[in-house]
């Protein structure tokens, strides 16, 4: 019976192996054949250069201005600084709420601040790169490179509300009012337990 079982096993393995086997195809010869059908590269380059009209930068309506590039760069850095500020422990817990409720409002606030400054001032604006650690509120500041004075200060505060738990309150202050007023961005609920320190 063992001999009979071996013979059947060998036959089944042979059938399965032959059914799965796929012969190799030489892709190089097919690629060479198809490249011969296409005209040489120099002909393609000439036809493209003839087909495309010359467009000056002045007539291009979708061209992004230098101010928009700078605003986008500052906004990108602001997002990075905010994630750095929160740290991995907090980010993993509140990332979805942050991306949907807070980040768009931070971007909107930045766009408003930079648009009000005007295109003559924006090239001199920059963003700080050191959020405060521990329990400090500072996320980042927008400052003028020439004077080294802050234009806006973006903060996040921990609020412990009785019977509710901890909330993160995102807001900013402006130099135009002496950094006195809180300009609200939004809030994210943490938990009833105390959140970890920033940047942990």
N, C-alpha and C. Protein backbone atom coordinates (compact mmCIF):
# COMPACT_ATOMS: atom_id res chain seq x y z
N UNK A 1 0.81 -1.19 0.00
CA UNK A 1 0.00 0.00 0.00
C UNK A 1 0.86 1.26 0.00
N UNK A 2 2.01 1.20 0.65
CA UNK A 2 2.89 2.36 0.66
C UNK A 2 3.40 2.64 -0.75
N UNK A 3 3.70 1.60 -1.50
CA UNK A 3 4.21 1.78 -2.85
C UNK A 3 3.13 2.42 -3.74
N UNK A 4 1.91 1.97 -3.59
CA UNK A 4 0.79 2.52 -4.36
C UNK A 4 0.58 4.00 -4.01
N UNK A 5 0.68 4.35 -2.73
CA UNK A 5 0.52 5.75 -2.27
C UNK A 5 1.63 6.64 -2.83
N UNK A 6 2.86 6.10 -2.88
CA UNK A 6 4.00 6.87 -3.44
C UNK A 6 3.79 7.17 -4.91
N UNK A 7 3.34 6.16 -5.66
CA UNK A 7 3.14 6.36 -7.10
C UNK A 7 2.08 7.43 -7.37
N UNK A 8 0.99 7.39 -6.62
CA UNK A 8 -0.06 8.39 -6.79
C UNK A 8 0.48 9.77 -6.42
N UNK A 9 1.26 9.88 -5.33
CA UNK A 9 1.84 11.17 -4.90
C UNK A 9 2.74 11.75 -5.97
N UNK A 10 3.59 10.90 -6.58
CA UNK A 10 4.51 11.36 -7.62
C UNK A 10 3.72 11.86 -8.83
N UNK A 11 2.67 11.15 -9.21
CA UNK A 11 1.86 11.56 -10.36
C UNK A 11 1.16 12.89 -10.08
N UNK A 12 0.58 13.04 -8.89
CA UNK A 12 -0.11 14.30 -8.53
C UNK A 12 0.87 15.47 -8.51
N UNK A 13 2.04 15.26 -7.95
CA UNK A 13 3.04 16.33 -7.89
C UNK A 13 3.48 16.71 -9.29
N UNK A 14 3.66 15.74 -10.15
CA UNK A 14 4.07 16.03 -11.53
C UNK A 14 3.00 16.83 -12.26
N UNK A 15 1.72 16.46 -12.06
CA UNK A 15 0.63 17.17 -12.73
C UNK A 15 0.55 18.61 -12.21
N UNK A 16 0.65 18.77 -10.89
CA UNK A 16 0.57 20.13 -10.32
C UNK A 16 1.74 20.99 -10.77
N UNK A 17 2.93 20.41 -10.82
CA UNK A 17 4.10 21.18 -11.22
C UNK A 17 4.02 21.60 -12.67
N UNK A 18 3.60 20.72 -13.54
CA UNK A 18 3.49 21.06 -14.95
C UNK A 18 2.38 22.07 -15.19
N UNK A 19 1.32 22.00 -14.38
CA UNK A 19 0.23 22.94 -14.53
C UNK A 19 0.61 24.35 -14.08
N UNK A 20 1.51 24.45 -13.13
CA UNK A 20 1.91 25.75 -12.60
C UNK A 20 3.08 26.34 -13.38
N UNK A 21 3.86 25.50 -14.04
CA UNK A 21 5.05 25.96 -14.74
C UNK A 21 4.69 26.93 -15.86
N UNK A 22 5.36 28.08 -15.90
CA UNK A 22 5.17 29.08 -16.94
C UNK A 22 6.52 29.33 -17.60
N UNK A 23 6.64 29.11 -18.89
CA UNK A 23 7.94 29.31 -19.54
C UNK A 23 8.33 30.79 -19.52
N UNK A 24 9.64 31.05 -19.44
CA UNK A 24 10.12 32.42 -19.44
C UNK A 24 10.00 33.04 -20.82
N UNK A 25 9.62 34.32 -20.84
CA UNK A 25 9.49 35.05 -22.10
C UNK A 25 10.59 36.08 -22.14
N UNK A 26 11.25 36.19 -23.26
CA UNK A 26 12.33 37.16 -23.39
C UNK A 26 11.74 38.55 -23.66
N UNK A 27 11.78 39.40 -22.65
CA UNK A 27 11.23 40.74 -22.79
C UNK A 27 12.14 41.66 -23.60
N UNK A 28 13.42 41.35 -23.62
CA UNK A 28 14.37 42.20 -24.33
C UNK A 28 14.11 42.19 -25.84
N UNK A 29 13.81 41.02 -26.38
CA UNK A 29 13.58 40.97 -27.82
C UNK A 29 12.30 41.69 -28.19
N UNK A 30 11.26 41.59 -27.33
CA UNK A 30 10.02 42.30 -27.62
C UNK A 30 10.22 43.81 -27.53
N UNK A 31 11.02 44.25 -26.56
CA UNK A 31 11.28 45.68 -26.42
C UNK A 31 12.06 46.21 -27.61
N UNK A 32 13.02 45.42 -28.12
CA UNK A 32 13.80 45.85 -29.28
C UNK A 32 12.90 45.97 -30.51
N UNK A 33 11.99 45.00 -30.67
CA UNK A 33 11.10 45.03 -31.83
C UNK A 33 10.17 46.24 -31.78
N UNK A 34 9.65 46.55 -30.58
CA UNK A 34 8.71 47.67 -30.48
C UNK A 34 9.44 49.01 -30.61
N UNK A 35 10.70 49.08 -30.19
CA UNK A 35 11.43 50.35 -30.31
C UNK A 35 11.79 50.65 -31.76
N UNK A 36 11.92 49.60 -32.58
CA UNK A 36 12.21 49.83 -33.99
C UNK A 36 11.01 50.46 -34.70
N UNK A 37 9.82 50.18 -34.21
CA UNK A 37 8.62 50.73 -34.84
C UNK A 37 8.47 52.22 -34.57
N UNK A 38 9.08 52.71 -33.49
CA UNK A 38 8.99 54.12 -33.14
C UNK A 38 10.11 54.87 -33.84
N UNK A 39 9.82 56.09 -34.24
CA UNK A 39 10.85 56.88 -34.93
C UNK A 39 11.96 57.24 -33.95
N UNK A 40 13.14 57.58 -34.44
CA UNK A 40 14.25 57.93 -33.56
C UNK A 40 13.92 59.13 -32.68
N UNK A 41 14.64 59.23 -31.54
CA UNK A 41 14.39 60.26 -30.54
C UNK A 41 14.53 61.67 -31.11
N UNK A 42 15.47 61.88 -31.98
CA UNK A 42 15.67 63.23 -32.52
C UNK A 42 14.44 63.70 -33.30
N UNK A 43 13.78 62.76 -34.01
CA UNK A 43 12.57 63.14 -34.74
C UNK A 43 11.45 63.52 -33.77
N UNK A 44 11.35 62.81 -32.66
CA UNK A 44 10.30 63.10 -31.67
C UNK A 44 10.54 64.47 -31.06
N UNK A 45 11.80 64.76 -30.69
CA UNK A 45 12.11 66.05 -30.08
C UNK A 45 11.78 67.20 -31.01
N UNK A 46 12.10 67.04 -32.32
CA UNK A 46 11.83 68.10 -33.27
C UNK A 46 10.32 68.32 -33.44
N UNK A 47 9.57 67.22 -33.50
CA UNK A 47 8.13 67.38 -33.70
C UNK A 47 7.48 68.02 -32.48
N UNK A 48 7.96 67.71 -31.28
CA UNK A 48 7.39 68.31 -30.07
C UNK A 48 7.73 69.78 -30.00
N UNK A 49 8.98 70.14 -30.32
CA UNK A 49 9.35 71.54 -30.23
C UNK A 49 8.60 72.39 -31.25
N UNK A 50 8.28 71.81 -32.40
CA UNK A 50 7.52 72.54 -33.41
C UNK A 50 6.06 72.65 -32.98
N UNK A 51 5.51 71.59 -32.35
CA UNK A 51 4.09 71.56 -32.00
C UNK A 51 3.75 72.48 -30.84
N UNK A 52 4.68 72.73 -29.92
CA UNK A 52 4.38 73.54 -28.75
C UNK A 52 4.65 75.01 -29.02
N UNK A 53 3.64 75.86 -28.83
CA UNK A 53 3.86 77.30 -29.01
C UNK A 53 4.60 77.87 -27.81
N UNK A 54 5.32 78.93 -28.03
CA UNK A 54 6.03 79.58 -26.93
C UNK A 54 5.05 80.43 -26.15
N UNK A 55 5.10 80.27 -24.82
CA UNK A 55 4.20 81.01 -23.94
C UNK A 55 5.06 81.81 -22.97
N UNK A 56 4.85 83.08 -22.92
CA UNK A 56 5.62 83.89 -21.98
C UNK A 56 5.01 83.78 -20.60
N UNK A 57 5.79 84.05 -19.56
CA UNK A 57 5.33 83.96 -18.19
C UNK A 57 4.22 84.98 -17.90
N UNK A 58 4.19 86.08 -18.63
CA UNK A 58 3.20 87.12 -18.37
C UNK A 58 1.81 86.68 -18.75
N UNK A 59 1.68 85.82 -19.78
CA UNK A 59 0.35 85.42 -20.24
C UNK A 59 -0.14 84.15 -19.56
N UNK A 60 0.64 83.54 -18.71
CA UNK A 60 0.25 82.29 -18.07
C UNK A 60 -0.62 82.58 -16.86
N UNK A 61 -1.94 82.28 -16.94
CA UNK A 61 -2.85 82.65 -15.87
C UNK A 61 -2.70 81.80 -14.62
N UNK A 62 -2.25 80.55 -14.76
CA UNK A 62 -2.17 79.65 -13.62
C UNK A 62 -0.82 79.70 -12.90
N UNK A 63 0.02 80.62 -13.27
CA UNK A 63 1.34 80.71 -12.67
C UNK A 63 1.21 81.11 -11.20
N UNK A 64 1.96 80.43 -10.33
CA UNK A 64 1.91 80.70 -8.90
C UNK A 64 2.86 81.85 -8.59
N UNK A 65 2.38 82.80 -7.81
CA UNK A 65 3.21 83.95 -7.48
C UNK A 65 4.20 83.58 -6.39
N UNK A 66 5.25 84.42 -6.24
CA UNK A 66 6.24 84.21 -5.20
C UNK A 66 5.60 84.26 -3.82
N UNK A 67 4.62 85.14 -3.66
CA UNK A 67 3.93 85.26 -2.38
C UNK A 67 3.21 83.96 -2.02
N UNK A 68 2.55 83.35 -3.01
CA UNK A 68 1.86 82.08 -2.76
C UNK A 68 2.83 80.97 -2.42
N UNK A 69 3.99 80.94 -3.07
CA UNK A 69 5.01 79.95 -2.77
C UNK A 69 5.48 80.12 -1.33
N UNK A 70 5.74 81.36 -0.91
CA UNK A 70 6.18 81.62 0.46
C UNK A 70 5.11 81.24 1.47
N UNK A 71 3.86 81.58 1.18
CA UNK A 71 2.76 81.23 2.09
C UNK A 71 2.65 79.71 2.21
N UNK A 72 2.76 79.00 1.09
CA UNK A 72 2.71 77.53 1.13
C UNK A 72 3.85 76.95 1.94
N UNK A 73 5.04 77.53 1.80
CA UNK A 73 6.20 77.05 2.55
C UNK A 73 6.02 77.28 4.05
N UNK A 74 5.53 78.45 4.43
CA UNK A 74 5.30 78.74 5.85
C UNK A 74 4.21 77.82 6.40
N UNK A 75 3.16 77.57 5.63
CA UNK A 75 2.08 76.69 6.06
C UNK A 75 2.59 75.25 6.25
N UNK A 76 3.44 74.81 5.35
CA UNK A 76 4.02 73.47 5.47
C UNK A 76 4.86 73.36 6.74
N UNK A 77 5.68 74.36 7.01
CA UNK A 77 6.50 74.35 8.22
C UNK A 77 5.62 74.41 9.47
N UNK A 78 4.52 75.16 9.40
CA UNK A 78 3.60 75.26 10.55
C UNK A 78 3.03 73.88 10.89
N UNK A 79 2.65 73.13 9.87
CA UNK A 79 2.12 71.78 10.11
C UNK A 79 3.19 70.90 10.76
N UNK A 80 4.42 70.96 10.26
CA UNK A 80 5.50 70.16 10.82
C UNK A 80 5.76 70.54 12.28
N UNK A 81 5.77 71.84 12.56
CA UNK A 81 6.03 72.29 13.92
C UNK A 81 4.92 71.86 14.88
N UNK A 82 3.69 71.85 14.40
CA UNK A 82 2.57 71.45 15.25
C UNK A 82 2.66 69.96 15.58
N UNK A 83 3.00 69.13 14.59
CA UNK A 83 3.19 67.71 14.86
C UNK A 83 4.36 67.47 15.80
N UNK A 84 5.44 68.24 15.63
CA UNK A 84 6.58 68.12 16.53
C UNK A 84 6.18 68.49 17.94
N UNK A 85 5.42 69.56 18.08
CA UNK A 85 4.97 70.03 19.38
C UNK A 85 4.16 68.96 20.11
N UNK A 86 3.21 68.35 19.42
CA UNK A 86 2.35 67.37 20.07
C UNK A 86 3.11 66.10 20.45
N UNK A 87 4.08 65.71 19.64
CA UNK A 87 4.84 64.50 19.93
C UNK A 87 4.06 63.25 19.54
N UNK A 88 4.77 62.13 19.37
CA UNK A 88 4.12 60.90 18.87
C UNK A 88 3.02 60.35 19.78
N UNK A 89 3.17 60.48 21.10
CA UNK A 89 2.15 59.93 22.01
C UNK A 89 0.81 60.63 21.84
N UNK A 90 0.83 61.94 21.70
CA UNK A 90 -0.41 62.69 21.56
C UNK A 90 -0.93 62.59 20.13
N UNK A 91 -0.04 62.65 19.15
CA UNK A 91 -0.45 62.61 17.74
C UNK A 91 -1.23 61.32 17.44
N UNK A 92 -0.74 60.19 17.92
CA UNK A 92 -1.43 58.93 17.61
C UNK A 92 -2.85 58.92 18.18
N UNK A 93 -3.08 59.67 19.23
CA UNK A 93 -4.41 59.70 19.88
C UNK A 93 -5.37 60.71 19.24
N UNK A 94 -4.85 61.82 18.72
CA UNK A 94 -5.72 62.91 18.23
C UNK A 94 -5.50 63.28 16.75
N UNK A 95 -4.73 62.49 16.03
CA UNK A 95 -4.34 62.87 14.67
C UNK A 95 -5.53 63.15 13.75
N UNK A 96 -6.54 62.28 13.76
CA UNK A 96 -7.69 62.47 12.87
C UNK A 96 -8.41 63.78 13.16
N UNK A 97 -8.67 64.05 14.45
CA UNK A 97 -9.34 65.30 14.83
C UNK A 97 -8.48 66.51 14.45
N UNK A 98 -7.18 66.38 14.65
CA UNK A 98 -6.28 67.49 14.32
C UNK A 98 -6.32 67.79 12.82
N UNK A 99 -6.23 66.75 12.00
CA UNK A 99 -6.18 66.95 10.55
C UNK A 99 -7.49 67.51 10.00
N UNK A 100 -8.62 67.13 10.59
CA UNK A 100 -9.90 67.58 10.05
C UNK A 100 -10.39 68.90 10.67
N UNK A 101 -10.14 69.10 11.97
CA UNK A 101 -10.72 70.27 12.65
C UNK A 101 -9.74 71.40 12.89
N UNK A 102 -8.49 71.10 13.14
CA UNK A 102 -7.53 72.13 13.56
C UNK A 102 -6.63 72.59 12.41
N UNK A 103 -5.99 71.67 11.71
CA UNK A 103 -5.03 72.05 10.67
C UNK A 103 -5.63 72.97 9.61
N UNK A 104 -6.81 72.70 9.09
CA UNK A 104 -7.37 73.64 8.09
C UNK A 104 -7.55 75.05 8.65
N UNK A 105 -7.91 75.17 9.93
CA UNK A 105 -8.09 76.49 10.53
C UNK A 105 -6.76 77.18 10.80
N UNK A 106 -5.72 76.41 11.11
CA UNK A 106 -4.37 76.99 11.24
C UNK A 106 -3.94 77.55 9.89
N UNK A 107 -4.14 76.77 8.83
CA UNK A 107 -3.78 77.22 7.48
C UNK A 107 -4.58 78.46 7.09
N UNK A 108 -5.87 78.45 7.41
CA UNK A 108 -6.72 79.60 7.10
C UNK A 108 -6.25 80.85 7.85
N UNK A 109 -5.90 80.68 9.12
CA UNK A 109 -5.41 81.82 9.93
C UNK A 109 -4.09 82.34 9.38
N UNK A 110 -3.19 81.43 9.02
CA UNK A 110 -1.90 81.85 8.44
C UNK A 110 -2.11 82.61 7.14
N UNK A 111 -2.97 82.09 6.28
CA UNK A 111 -3.25 82.76 5.01
C UNK A 111 -3.80 84.16 5.24
N UNK A 112 -4.67 84.30 6.22
CA UNK A 112 -5.26 85.60 6.53
C UNK A 112 -4.19 86.57 7.03
N UNK A 113 -3.35 86.11 7.96
CA UNK A 113 -2.29 86.96 8.53
C UNK A 113 -1.32 87.40 7.44
N UNK A 114 -0.89 86.45 6.60
CA UNK A 114 0.09 86.76 5.57
C UNK A 114 -0.51 87.60 4.45
N UNK A 115 -1.78 87.38 4.14
CA UNK A 115 -2.44 88.19 3.11
C UNK A 115 -2.60 89.64 3.58
N UNK A 116 -2.91 89.82 4.85
CA UNK A 116 -3.05 91.18 5.40
C UNK A 116 -1.71 91.91 5.41
N UNK A 117 -0.63 91.15 5.59
CA UNK A 117 0.70 91.77 5.61
C UNK A 117 1.05 92.34 4.24
N UNK A 118 0.63 91.67 3.18
CA UNK A 118 0.90 92.15 1.83
C UNK A 118 2.13 91.52 1.22
N UNK A 119 2.17 91.54 -0.11
CA UNK A 119 3.26 90.87 -0.82
C UNK A 119 4.62 91.51 -0.62
N UNK A 120 4.65 92.77 -0.18
CA UNK A 120 5.94 93.41 0.08
C UNK A 120 6.56 92.92 1.39
N UNK A 121 5.74 92.51 2.34
CA UNK A 121 6.22 92.09 3.66
C UNK A 121 6.47 90.59 3.77
N UNK A 122 5.64 89.78 3.11
CA UNK A 122 5.71 88.32 3.25
C UNK A 122 7.10 87.74 2.96
N UNK A 123 7.85 88.23 1.99
CA UNK A 123 9.18 87.66 1.76
C UNK A 123 10.12 87.77 2.97
N UNK A 124 9.82 88.67 3.89
CA UNK A 124 10.67 88.85 5.07
C UNK A 124 10.17 88.04 6.26
N UNK A 125 9.04 87.35 6.12
CA UNK A 125 8.47 86.60 7.23
C UNK A 125 9.04 85.18 7.26
N UNK A 126 9.17 84.67 8.47
CA UNK A 126 9.66 83.31 8.66
C UNK A 126 8.94 82.70 9.85
N UNK A 127 9.20 81.42 10.08
CA UNK A 127 8.55 80.69 11.17
C UNK A 127 9.62 80.11 12.10
N UNK A 128 9.38 80.19 13.41
CA UNK A 128 10.33 79.63 14.37
C UNK A 128 10.29 78.11 14.28
N UNK A 129 11.36 77.48 14.74
CA UNK A 129 11.47 76.03 14.60
C UNK A 129 11.62 75.31 15.93
N UNK A 130 11.32 75.97 17.04
CA UNK A 130 11.46 75.32 18.34
C UNK A 130 10.19 75.48 19.17
N UNK A 131 9.28 74.50 19.09
CA UNK A 131 8.11 74.57 19.98
C UNK A 131 8.55 74.36 21.42
N UNK A 132 7.79 74.88 22.36
CA UNK A 132 8.15 74.68 23.77
C UNK A 132 7.78 73.27 24.20
N UNK A 133 8.61 72.71 25.08
CA UNK A 133 8.40 71.35 25.57
C UNK A 133 7.64 71.38 26.88
N UNK A 134 7.43 70.20 27.45
CA UNK A 134 6.80 70.11 28.77
C UNK A 134 5.36 70.56 28.75
N UNK A 135 5.06 71.67 29.46
CA UNK A 135 3.70 72.19 29.54
C UNK A 135 3.55 73.55 28.88
N UNK A 136 4.62 74.06 28.22
CA UNK A 136 4.56 75.36 27.55
C UNK A 136 3.56 75.37 26.40
N UNK A 137 3.03 76.54 26.07
CA UNK A 137 1.98 76.65 25.06
C UNK A 137 2.50 76.87 23.64
N UNK A 138 3.68 77.41 23.48
CA UNK A 138 4.17 77.84 22.16
C UNK A 138 4.29 76.67 21.18
N UNK A 139 3.64 76.86 20.00
CA UNK A 139 3.83 75.92 18.89
C UNK A 139 4.87 76.51 17.95
N UNK A 140 4.58 77.72 17.43
CA UNK A 140 5.52 78.43 16.56
C UNK A 140 5.13 79.89 16.54
N UNK A 141 6.07 80.72 16.12
CA UNK A 141 5.82 82.15 15.93
C UNK A 141 6.12 82.50 14.48
N UNK A 142 5.37 83.45 13.95
CA UNK A 142 5.70 84.06 12.66
C UNK A 142 6.40 85.37 12.99
N UNK A 143 7.60 85.57 12.44
CA UNK A 143 8.36 86.77 12.76
C UNK A 143 8.94 87.42 11.51
N UNK A 144 9.31 88.66 11.66
CA UNK A 144 9.91 89.44 10.59
C UNK A 144 11.42 89.29 10.68
N UNK A 145 12.05 88.78 9.61
CA UNK A 145 13.51 88.57 9.61
C UNK A 145 14.30 89.85 9.80
N UNK A 146 13.75 90.97 9.34
CA UNK A 146 14.50 92.22 9.42
C UNK A 146 14.57 92.73 10.85
N UNK A 147 13.42 92.70 11.53
CA UNK A 147 13.36 93.28 12.89
C UNK A 147 13.49 92.22 13.97
N UNK A 148 13.35 90.95 13.60
CA UNK A 148 13.35 89.81 14.54
C UNK A 148 12.20 89.90 15.54
N UNK A 149 11.15 90.66 15.18
CA UNK A 149 9.99 90.80 16.05
C UNK A 149 8.88 89.87 15.58
N UNK A 150 8.14 89.33 16.56
CA UNK A 150 7.04 88.43 16.25
C UNK A 150 5.87 89.19 15.64
N UNK A 151 5.24 88.54 14.67
CA UNK A 151 4.03 89.06 14.04
C UNK A 151 2.82 88.32 14.63
N UNK A 152 2.96 87.01 14.79
CA UNK A 152 1.89 86.18 15.34
C UNK A 152 2.50 85.05 16.15
N UNK A 153 1.79 84.64 17.19
CA UNK A 153 2.24 83.53 18.05
C UNK A 153 1.13 82.49 18.12
N UNK A 154 1.43 81.28 17.68
CA UNK A 154 0.46 80.20 17.70
C UNK A 154 0.73 79.31 18.91
N UNK A 155 -0.34 79.06 19.69
CA UNK A 155 -0.21 78.32 20.95
C UNK A 155 -1.23 77.19 21.01
N UNK A 156 -0.96 76.24 21.91
CA UNK A 156 -1.93 75.23 22.29
C UNK A 156 -1.88 75.12 23.81
N UNK A 157 -3.05 75.22 24.42
CA UNK A 157 -3.15 75.20 25.88
C UNK A 157 -3.90 73.94 26.30
N UNK A 158 -3.53 73.40 27.47
CA UNK A 158 -4.24 72.26 28.05
C UNK A 158 -5.30 72.79 29.00
N UNK A 159 -6.53 72.46 28.76
CA UNK A 159 -7.61 72.86 29.66
C UNK A 159 -8.15 71.62 30.35
N UNK A 160 -8.20 71.66 31.70
CA UNK A 160 -8.78 70.57 32.48
C UNK A 160 -10.14 71.02 32.97
N UNK A 161 -11.18 70.53 32.33
CA UNK A 161 -12.53 70.94 32.69
C UNK A 161 -13.15 69.90 33.63
N UNK A 162 -13.68 70.37 34.77
CA UNK A 162 -14.28 69.42 35.73
C UNK A 162 -15.37 68.58 35.07
N UNK A 163 -15.36 67.31 35.37
CA UNK A 163 -16.31 66.31 34.88
C UNK A 163 -16.20 66.03 33.38
N UNK A 164 -15.39 66.79 32.65
CA UNK A 164 -15.22 66.55 31.21
C UNK A 164 -13.88 65.90 30.90
N UNK A 165 -12.84 66.41 31.49
CA UNK A 165 -11.50 65.90 31.19
C UNK A 165 -10.65 66.98 30.53
N UNK A 166 -9.62 66.53 29.82
CA UNK A 166 -8.64 67.45 29.23
C UNK A 166 -8.95 67.76 27.77
N UNK A 167 -8.78 69.02 27.44
CA UNK A 167 -8.97 69.52 26.08
C UNK A 167 -7.70 70.24 25.66
N UNK A 168 -7.40 70.20 24.36
CA UNK A 168 -6.31 71.00 23.79
C UNK A 168 -6.96 72.19 23.08
N UNK A 169 -6.62 73.39 23.53
CA UNK A 169 -7.18 74.62 22.96
C UNK A 169 -6.13 75.29 22.08
N UNK A 170 -6.38 75.31 20.77
CA UNK A 170 -5.47 75.92 19.81
C UNK A 170 -5.92 77.36 19.55
N UNK A 171 -4.98 78.29 19.62
CA UNK A 171 -5.30 79.71 19.40
C UNK A 171 -4.03 80.44 18.98
N UNK A 172 -4.19 81.72 18.61
CA UNK A 172 -3.02 82.52 18.27
C UNK A 172 -3.20 83.94 18.79
N UNK A 173 -2.07 84.65 18.89
CA UNK A 173 -2.04 86.05 19.32
C UNK A 173 -1.37 86.87 18.23
N UNK A 174 -1.77 88.13 18.10
CA UNK A 174 -1.21 89.02 17.08
C UNK A 174 -0.49 90.20 17.70
N UNK A 175 0.55 90.65 17.03
CA UNK A 175 1.29 91.83 17.50
C UNK A 175 0.44 93.09 17.41
N UNK A 176 -0.52 93.10 16.49
CA UNK A 176 -1.34 94.29 16.29
C UNK A 176 -2.16 94.66 17.53
N UNK A 177 -2.46 93.69 18.39
CA UNK A 177 -3.18 93.99 19.63
C UNK A 177 -2.31 93.74 20.87
N UNK A 178 -1.00 93.74 20.66
CA UNK A 178 -0.07 93.55 21.76
C UNK A 178 -0.08 92.12 22.31
N UNK A 179 -0.49 91.15 21.50
CA UNK A 179 -0.56 89.74 21.87
C UNK A 179 -1.50 89.50 23.06
N UNK A 180 -2.48 90.37 23.24
CA UNK A 180 -3.41 90.27 24.36
C UNK A 180 -4.60 89.35 24.06
N UNK A 181 -5.19 89.49 22.90
CA UNK A 181 -6.41 88.75 22.57
C UNK A 181 -6.11 87.33 22.11
N UNK A 182 -7.00 86.42 22.50
CA UNK A 182 -6.94 85.04 22.01
C UNK A 182 -7.79 84.95 20.75
N UNK A 183 -7.18 84.56 19.66
CA UNK A 183 -7.91 84.32 18.42
C UNK A 183 -8.06 82.80 18.30
N UNK A 184 -9.27 82.33 18.52
CA UNK A 184 -9.54 80.89 18.61
C UNK A 184 -9.35 80.19 17.27
N UNK A 185 -8.75 79.02 17.33
CA UNK A 185 -8.62 78.14 16.17
C UNK A 185 -9.55 76.94 16.35
N UNK A 186 -9.49 76.31 17.51
CA UNK A 186 -10.36 75.17 17.78
C UNK A 186 -9.87 74.37 18.96
N UNK A 187 -10.63 73.32 19.31
CA UNK A 187 -10.30 72.47 20.44
C UNK A 187 -10.39 71.00 20.05
N UNK A 188 -9.57 70.19 20.74
CA UNK A 188 -9.61 68.74 20.58
C UNK A 188 -9.70 68.13 21.97
N UNK A 189 -10.61 67.19 22.12
CA UNK A 189 -10.75 66.48 23.39
C UNK A 189 -9.66 65.44 23.51
N UNK A 190 -9.04 65.37 24.69
CA UNK A 190 -8.01 64.36 24.94
C UNK A 190 -8.61 63.15 25.64
N UNK A 191 -8.88 63.30 26.95
CA UNK A 191 -9.33 62.18 27.76
C UNK A 191 -9.55 62.71 29.17
N UNK A 192 -10.08 61.88 30.05
CA UNK A 192 -10.20 62.29 31.45
C UNK A 192 -8.86 62.20 32.16
N UNK A 193 -7.98 61.35 31.66
CA UNK A 193 -6.64 61.23 32.22
C UNK A 193 -5.75 62.34 31.71
N UNK A 194 -4.77 62.70 32.50
CA UNK A 194 -3.85 63.78 32.13
C UNK A 194 -3.03 63.39 30.90
N UNK A 195 -2.91 64.29 29.90
CA UNK A 195 -2.11 63.97 28.70
C UNK A 195 -0.62 64.01 29.02
N UNK A 196 0.19 63.32 28.21
CA UNK A 196 1.64 63.39 28.42
C UNK A 196 2.18 64.79 28.11
N UNK A 197 3.41 65.03 28.49
CA UNK A 197 4.04 66.32 28.20
C UNK A 197 4.21 66.46 26.69
N UNK A 198 4.29 67.72 26.25
CA UNK A 198 4.50 67.98 24.84
C UNK A 198 5.81 67.38 24.39
N UNK A 199 5.84 66.96 23.13
CA UNK A 199 7.03 66.46 22.43
C UNK A 199 7.54 65.14 23.01
N UNK A 200 6.63 64.37 23.67
CA UNK A 200 7.06 63.05 24.18
C UNK A 200 6.44 61.95 23.36
